[in-house]
Amino acid sequence: MHIGKDLVAAAATPLVLGILAEGESYGYAILQRVDALSEGELTWSDGMLYPLLHRLERLGYVESAWHAAPSGRRRKHYLLSADGRAVLAEQRRQWNAVSTALEKVWKSASDSTARVVVSPAGA
């Protein structure tokens, strides 16, 4: 299944903030977590993630620090800030409202389709 660019973009910030609410992480691990959470439906590239992380850092929603990885390479780790937690709570509220509305309209549309009676040909 292909998930449209607009939907991916809309979900990116709350997804990253939610992942960082689980604990400190670095870019590659965030990409892997998105893939796992979406069961492979969302496959992000570095080119999508890092500009988002930098924007979230500029806005004060995440903080970062360099740490040495077990391999000896340095990795930039990201951590949700207090402001980021507040933004995540608001985004969660908004997404719940959208999700509830979509569930209702899809159920209504599904119920309407089920009520349509098709008459036999020639009747």
N, C-alpha and C. Protein backbone atom coordinates (compact mmCIF):
# COMPACT_ATOMS: atom_id res chain seq x y z
N MET A 1 0.84 -1.17 0.00
CA MET A 1 0.00 0.00 0.00
C MET A 1 0.89 1.24 0.00
N HIS A 2 0.49 2.22 -0.75
CA HIS A 2 1.22 3.49 -0.79
C HIS A 2 0.48 4.49 0.10
N ILE A 3 1.19 5.11 1.01
CA ILE A 3 0.61 6.14 1.86
C ILE A 3 1.01 7.48 1.26
N GLY A 4 0.02 8.31 0.99
CA GLY A 4 0.24 9.59 0.32
C GLY A 4 1.18 10.51 1.08
N LYS A 5 1.86 11.33 0.31
CA LYS A 5 2.86 12.25 0.84
C LYS A 5 2.27 13.21 1.88
N ASP A 6 1.06 13.70 1.64
CA ASP A 6 0.44 14.64 2.57
C ASP A 6 0.17 13.99 3.92
N LEU A 7 -0.30 12.75 3.90
CA LEU A 7 -0.58 12.05 5.15
C LEU A 7 0.71 11.73 5.90
N VAL A 8 1.73 11.33 5.17
CA VAL A 8 3.04 11.05 5.79
C VAL A 8 3.57 12.32 6.44
N ALA A 9 3.49 13.43 5.75
CA ALA A 9 3.99 14.70 6.29
C ALA A 9 3.21 15.12 7.53
N ALA A 10 1.89 14.95 7.49
CA ALA A 10 1.07 15.33 8.64
C ALA A 10 1.37 14.49 9.87
N ALA A 11 1.71 13.24 9.66
CA ALA A 11 1.96 12.32 10.78
C ALA A 11 3.40 12.37 11.29
N ALA A 12 4.29 12.99 10.55
CA ALA A 12 5.72 12.92 10.89
C ALA A 12 6.04 13.51 12.26
N THR A 13 5.58 14.71 12.54
CA THR A 13 5.91 15.34 13.82
C THR A 13 5.35 14.55 15.01
N PRO A 14 4.06 14.21 15.01
CA PRO A 14 3.58 13.47 16.17
C PRO A 14 4.24 12.09 16.31
N LEU A 15 4.59 11.47 15.21
CA LEU A 15 5.27 10.17 15.29
C LEU A 15 6.65 10.31 15.93
N VAL A 16 7.42 11.28 15.48
CA VAL A 16 8.77 11.46 16.03
C VAL A 16 8.69 11.88 17.50
N LEU A 17 7.79 12.80 17.82
CA LEU A 17 7.65 13.20 19.23
C LEU A 17 7.22 12.02 20.09
N GLY A 18 6.32 11.20 19.57
CA GLY A 18 5.87 10.02 20.30
C GLY A 18 7.00 9.02 20.52
N ILE A 19 7.81 8.83 19.51
CA ILE A 19 8.96 7.91 19.64
C ILE A 19 9.93 8.45 20.68
N LEU A 20 10.18 9.75 20.65
CA LEU A 20 11.10 10.33 21.63
C LEU A 20 10.50 10.37 23.03
N ALA A 21 9.17 10.32 23.15
CA ALA A 21 8.53 10.21 24.47
C ALA A 21 8.85 8.86 25.11
N GLU A 22 9.16 7.87 24.27
CA GLU A 22 9.54 6.55 24.78
C GLU A 22 10.95 6.58 25.39
N GLY A 23 11.74 7.54 24.96
CA GLY A 23 13.10 7.67 25.48
C GLY A 23 14.04 8.24 24.42
N GLU A 24 15.22 8.59 24.85
CA GLU A 24 16.25 9.16 23.98
C GLU A 24 16.54 8.21 22.82
N SER A 25 16.79 8.79 21.64
CA SER A 25 17.08 7.96 20.47
C SER A 25 17.92 8.75 19.48
N TYR A 26 18.40 8.07 18.46
CA TYR A 26 19.19 8.70 17.40
C TYR A 26 18.52 8.39 16.06
N GLY A 27 18.96 9.09 15.02
CA GLY A 27 18.29 9.06 13.73
C GLY A 27 17.98 7.68 13.18
N TYR A 28 18.99 6.83 13.04
CA TYR A 28 18.77 5.51 12.45
C TYR A 28 17.78 4.70 13.27
N ALA A 29 17.87 4.78 14.59
CA ALA A 29 16.95 4.05 15.46
C ALA A 29 15.52 4.57 15.30
N ILE A 30 15.37 5.88 15.11
CA ILE A 30 14.04 6.46 14.89
C ILE A 30 13.47 5.93 13.57
N LEU A 31 14.29 5.90 12.52
CA LEU A 31 13.83 5.36 11.24
C LEU A 31 13.37 3.91 11.39
N GLN A 32 14.12 3.12 12.13
CA GLN A 32 13.77 1.71 12.35
C GLN A 32 12.47 1.59 13.15
N ARG A 33 12.30 2.48 14.13
CA ARG A 33 11.09 2.43 14.96
C ARG A 33 9.86 2.80 14.15
N VAL A 34 9.97 3.80 13.28
CA VAL A 34 8.85 4.17 12.41
C VAL A 34 8.48 2.99 11.53
N ASP A 35 9.47 2.34 10.96
CA ASP A 35 9.23 1.17 10.11
C ASP A 35 8.52 0.07 10.90
N ALA A 36 8.99 -0.19 12.12
CA ALA A 36 8.40 -1.25 12.94
C ALA A 36 6.97 -0.89 13.36
N LEU A 37 6.76 0.34 13.81
CA LEU A 37 5.43 0.76 14.24
C LEU A 37 4.40 0.68 13.12
N SER A 38 4.84 0.97 11.90
CA SER A 38 3.93 0.97 10.75
C SER A 38 3.90 -0.37 10.03
N GLU A 39 4.61 -1.34 10.59
CA GLU A 39 4.70 -2.67 9.97
C GLU A 39 5.16 -2.56 8.52
N GLY A 40 6.14 -1.68 8.31
CA GLY A 40 6.75 -1.53 6.99
C GLY A 40 6.00 -0.62 6.03
N GLU A 41 4.88 -0.05 6.46
CA GLU A 41 4.10 0.81 5.57
C GLU A 41 4.71 2.20 5.42
N LEU A 42 5.42 2.66 6.45
CA LEU A 42 6.10 3.95 6.39
C LEU A 42 7.59 3.70 6.37
N THR A 43 8.20 3.99 5.26
CA THR A 43 9.65 3.86 5.15
C THR A 43 10.20 5.24 4.86
N TRP A 44 10.78 5.82 5.88
CA TRP A 44 11.32 7.18 5.76
C TRP A 44 12.78 7.12 5.37
N SER A 45 13.23 8.19 4.74
CA SER A 45 14.64 8.32 4.38
C SER A 45 15.30 9.30 5.35
N ASP A 46 16.63 9.28 5.34
CA ASP A 46 17.39 10.27 6.12
C ASP A 46 16.98 11.68 5.72
N GLY A 47 16.75 11.86 4.43
CA GLY A 47 16.42 13.18 3.89
C GLY A 47 15.10 13.71 4.38
N MET A 48 14.25 12.84 4.88
CA MET A 48 13.00 13.28 5.46
C MET A 48 13.15 13.50 6.97
N LEU A 49 13.83 12.59 7.63
CA LEU A 49 13.91 12.62 9.09
C LEU A 49 14.78 13.76 9.62
N TYR A 50 16.00 13.90 9.10
CA TYR A 50 16.92 14.86 9.71
C TYR A 50 16.46 16.31 9.62
N PRO A 51 15.89 16.76 8.51
CA PRO A 51 15.35 18.14 8.52
C PRO A 51 14.24 18.31 9.56
N LEU A 52 13.43 17.27 9.74
CA LEU A 52 12.37 17.33 10.76
C LEU A 52 12.98 17.42 12.15
N LEU A 53 13.97 16.59 12.45
CA LEU A 53 14.62 16.65 13.76
C LEU A 53 15.26 18.01 14.00
N HIS A 54 15.89 18.58 12.99
CA HIS A 54 16.52 19.90 13.14
C HIS A 54 15.47 20.98 13.38
N ARG A 55 14.33 20.87 12.69
CA ARG A 55 13.24 21.84 12.90
C ARG A 55 12.69 21.71 14.32
N LEU A 56 12.46 20.47 14.77
CA LEU A 56 11.94 20.25 16.12
C LEU A 56 12.93 20.76 17.18
N GLU A 57 14.21 20.64 16.88
CA GLU A 57 15.23 21.15 17.80
C GLU A 57 15.21 22.68 17.82
N ARG A 58 15.10 23.31 16.65
CA ARG A 58 15.03 24.78 16.58
C ARG A 58 13.81 25.31 17.33
N LEU A 59 12.69 24.57 17.26
CA LEU A 59 11.46 24.98 17.94
C LEU A 59 11.52 24.73 19.45
N GLY A 60 12.53 24.00 19.89
CA GLY A 60 12.67 23.71 21.31
C GLY A 60 11.91 22.49 21.78
N TYR A 61 11.41 21.68 20.84
CA TYR A 61 10.63 20.50 21.20
C TYR A 61 11.52 19.30 21.51
N VAL A 62 12.74 19.31 20.97
CA VAL A 62 13.70 18.25 21.27
C VAL A 62 15.05 18.88 21.59
N GLU A 63 15.82 18.15 22.37
CA GLU A 63 17.18 18.55 22.69
C GLU A 63 18.08 17.46 22.14
N SER A 64 19.34 17.81 21.91
CA SER A 64 20.25 16.80 21.36
C SER A 64 21.60 16.87 22.05
N ALA A 65 22.30 15.76 21.96
CA ALA A 65 23.66 15.66 22.50
C ALA A 65 24.38 14.56 21.75
N TRP A 66 25.67 14.73 21.59
CA TRP A 66 26.48 13.72 20.92
C TRP A 66 26.93 12.68 21.94
N HIS A 67 26.83 11.40 21.54
CA HIS A 67 27.29 10.29 22.39
C HIS A 67 28.09 9.33 21.53
N ALA A 68 29.04 8.67 22.15
CA ALA A 68 29.81 7.64 21.43
C ALA A 68 29.00 6.36 21.39
N ALA A 69 28.92 5.77 20.22
CA ALA A 69 28.24 4.49 20.04
C ALA A 69 29.20 3.37 20.45
N PRO A 70 28.69 2.17 20.68
CA PRO A 70 29.59 1.05 21.01
C PRO A 70 30.67 0.83 19.95
N SER A 71 30.37 1.19 18.71
CA SER A 71 31.35 1.04 17.64
C SER A 71 32.44 2.12 17.70
N GLY A 72 32.23 3.12 18.55
CA GLY A 72 33.19 4.20 18.66
C GLY A 72 32.77 5.44 17.88
N ARG A 73 31.87 5.27 16.91
CA ARG A 73 31.36 6.42 16.16
C ARG A 73 30.49 7.28 17.06
N ARG A 74 30.51 8.56 16.79
CA ARG A 74 29.64 9.46 17.55
C ARG A 74 28.28 9.54 16.87
N ARG A 75 27.24 9.55 17.70
CA ARG A 75 25.87 9.68 17.21
C ARG A 75 25.19 10.83 17.94
N LYS A 76 24.39 11.56 17.20
CA LYS A 76 23.61 12.62 17.82
C LYS A 76 22.31 12.01 18.35
N HIS A 77 22.12 12.09 19.64
CA HIS A 77 20.92 11.55 20.27
C HIS A 77 19.94 12.68 20.55
N TYR A 78 18.66 12.36 20.41
CA TYR A 78 17.60 13.33 20.59
C TYR A 78 16.73 12.93 21.76
N LEU A 79 16.26 13.93 22.50
CA LEU A 79 15.45 13.72 23.69
C LEU A 79 14.31 14.73 23.68
N LEU A 80 13.13 14.29 24.03
CA LEU A 80 11.97 15.17 24.07
C LEU A 80 12.13 16.18 25.22
N SER A 81 11.89 17.45 24.93
CA SER A 81 11.96 18.50 25.95
C SER A 81 10.59 18.64 26.62
N ALA A 82 10.53 19.46 27.65
CA ALA A 82 9.25 19.74 28.32
C ALA A 82 8.26 20.37 27.33
N ASP A 83 8.74 21.31 26.51
CA ASP A 83 7.87 21.91 25.49
C ASP A 83 7.41 20.86 24.50
N GLY A 84 8.30 19.94 24.15
CA GLY A 84 7.94 18.86 23.23
C GLY A 84 6.85 17.97 23.80
N ARG A 85 6.92 17.72 25.11
CA ARG A 85 5.88 16.90 25.76
C ARG A 85 4.52 17.60 25.68
N ALA A 86 4.52 18.90 25.87
CA ALA A 86 3.27 19.67 25.78
C ALA A 86 2.72 19.64 24.36
N VAL A 87 3.61 19.80 23.37
CA VAL A 87 3.18 19.76 21.97
C VAL A 87 2.66 18.36 21.63
N LEU A 88 3.33 17.33 22.11
CA LEU A 88 2.88 15.97 21.87
C LEU A 88 1.48 15.75 22.45
N ALA A 89 1.23 16.23 23.65
CA ALA A 89 -0.10 16.08 24.26
C ALA A 89 -1.16 16.76 23.42
N GLU A 90 -0.86 17.96 22.92
CA GLU A 90 -1.82 18.67 22.06
C GLU A 90 -2.01 17.95 20.73
N GLN A 91 -0.93 17.46 20.14
CA GLN A 91 -1.05 16.75 18.87
C GLN A 91 -1.85 15.46 19.07
N ARG A 92 -1.66 14.80 20.19
CA ARG A 92 -2.42 13.58 20.48
C ARG A 92 -3.91 13.92 20.54
N ARG A 93 -4.26 15.01 21.21
CA ARG A 93 -5.66 15.43 21.30
C ARG A 93 -6.24 15.70 19.90
N GLN A 94 -5.47 16.39 19.08
CA GLN A 94 -5.94 16.71 17.73
C GLN A 94 -6.11 15.45 16.88
N TRP A 95 -5.11 14.56 16.93
CA TRP A 95 -5.20 13.32 16.14
C TRP A 95 -6.36 12.45 16.61
N ASN A 96 -6.63 12.42 17.91
CA ASN A 96 -7.77 11.65 18.41
C ASN A 96 -9.08 12.20 17.86
N ALA A 97 -9.20 13.53 17.79
CA ALA A 97 -10.41 14.16 17.25
C ALA A 97 -10.58 13.81 15.77
N VAL A 98 -9.49 13.89 15.02
CA VAL A 98 -9.54 13.55 13.58
C VAL A 98 -9.88 12.08 13.40
N SER A 99 -9.22 11.22 14.16
CA SER A 99 -9.44 9.78 14.06
C SER A 99 -10.89 9.42 14.39
N THR A 100 -11.44 10.01 15.43
CA THR A 100 -12.83 9.76 15.82
C THR A 100 -13.78 10.18 14.71
N ALA A 101 -13.55 11.36 14.14
CA ALA A 101 -14.40 11.85 13.05
C ALA A 101 -14.33 10.92 11.84
N LEU A 102 -13.12 10.49 11.49
CA LEU A 102 -12.97 9.58 10.35
C LEU A 102 -13.67 8.25 10.61
N GLU A 103 -13.50 7.69 11.80
CA GLU A 103 -14.17 6.43 12.12
C GLU A 103 -15.68 6.56 11.98
N LYS A 104 -16.23 7.68 12.46
CA LYS A 104 -17.67 7.89 12.38
C LYS A 104 -18.15 8.00 10.93
N VAL A 105 -17.43 8.79 10.14
CA VAL A 105 -17.88 8.99 8.75
C VAL A 105 -17.71 7.70 7.95
N TRP A 106 -16.63 6.94 8.19
CA TRP A 106 -16.45 5.70 7.46
C TRP A 106 -17.49 4.66 7.87
N LYS A 107 -17.85 4.64 9.16
CA LYS A 107 -18.89 3.72 9.62
C LYS A 107 -20.21 4.11 8.99
N SER A 108 -20.51 5.41 8.98
CA SER A 108 -21.74 5.90 8.39
C SER A 108 -21.80 5.56 6.90
N ALA A 109 -20.70 5.77 6.20
CA ALA A 109 -20.66 5.46 4.77
C ALA A 109 -20.81 3.97 4.55
N SER A 110 -20.20 3.17 5.39
CA SER A 110 -20.30 1.72 5.29
C SER A 110 -21.73 1.26 5.55
N ASP A 111 -22.38 1.84 6.58
CA ASP A 111 -23.76 1.49 6.89
C ASP A 111 -24.69 1.89 5.75
N SER A 112 -24.44 3.06 5.14
CA SER A 112 -25.26 3.52 4.02
C SER A 112 -25.13 2.58 2.84
N THR A 113 -23.92 2.11 2.57
CA THR A 113 -23.69 1.20 1.46
C THR A 113 -24.40 -0.12 1.73
N ALA A 114 -24.40 -0.58 2.96
CA ALA A 114 -25.03 -1.85 3.31
C ALA A 114 -26.54 -1.77 3.16
N ARG A 115 -27.13 -0.57 3.31
CA ARG A 115 -28.58 -0.41 3.21
C ARG A 115 -29.07 -0.32 1.78
N VAL A 116 -28.19 -0.11 0.84
CA VAL A 116 -28.61 0.02 -0.55
C VAL A 116 -29.15 -1.32 -1.02
N VAL A 117 -30.36 -1.32 -1.53
CA VAL A 117 -30.97 -2.55 -2.03
C VAL A 117 -30.88 -2.53 -3.54
N VAL A 118 -30.34 -3.57 -4.09
CA VAL A 118 -30.23 -3.69 -5.53
C VAL A 118 -31.34 -4.60 -6.01
N SER A 119 -32.18 -4.07 -6.94
CA SER A 119 -33.25 -4.92 -7.46
C SER A 119 -32.74 -5.81 -8.58
N PRO A 120 -33.31 -6.97 -8.68
CA PRO A 120 -32.89 -7.88 -9.75
C PRO A 120 -33.13 -7.24 -11.11
N ALA A 121 -32.35 -7.60 -12.08
CA ALA A 121 -32.51 -7.06 -13.44
C ALA A 121 -33.88 -7.38 -13.97
N GLY A 122 -34.52 -6.36 -14.56
CA GLY A 122 -35.81 -6.56 -15.19
C GLY A 122 -36.98 -6.45 -14.21
N ALA A 123 -36.71 -6.17 -12.95
CA ALA A 123 -37.81 -6.10 -11.99
C ALA A 123 -38.50 -4.78 -12.03
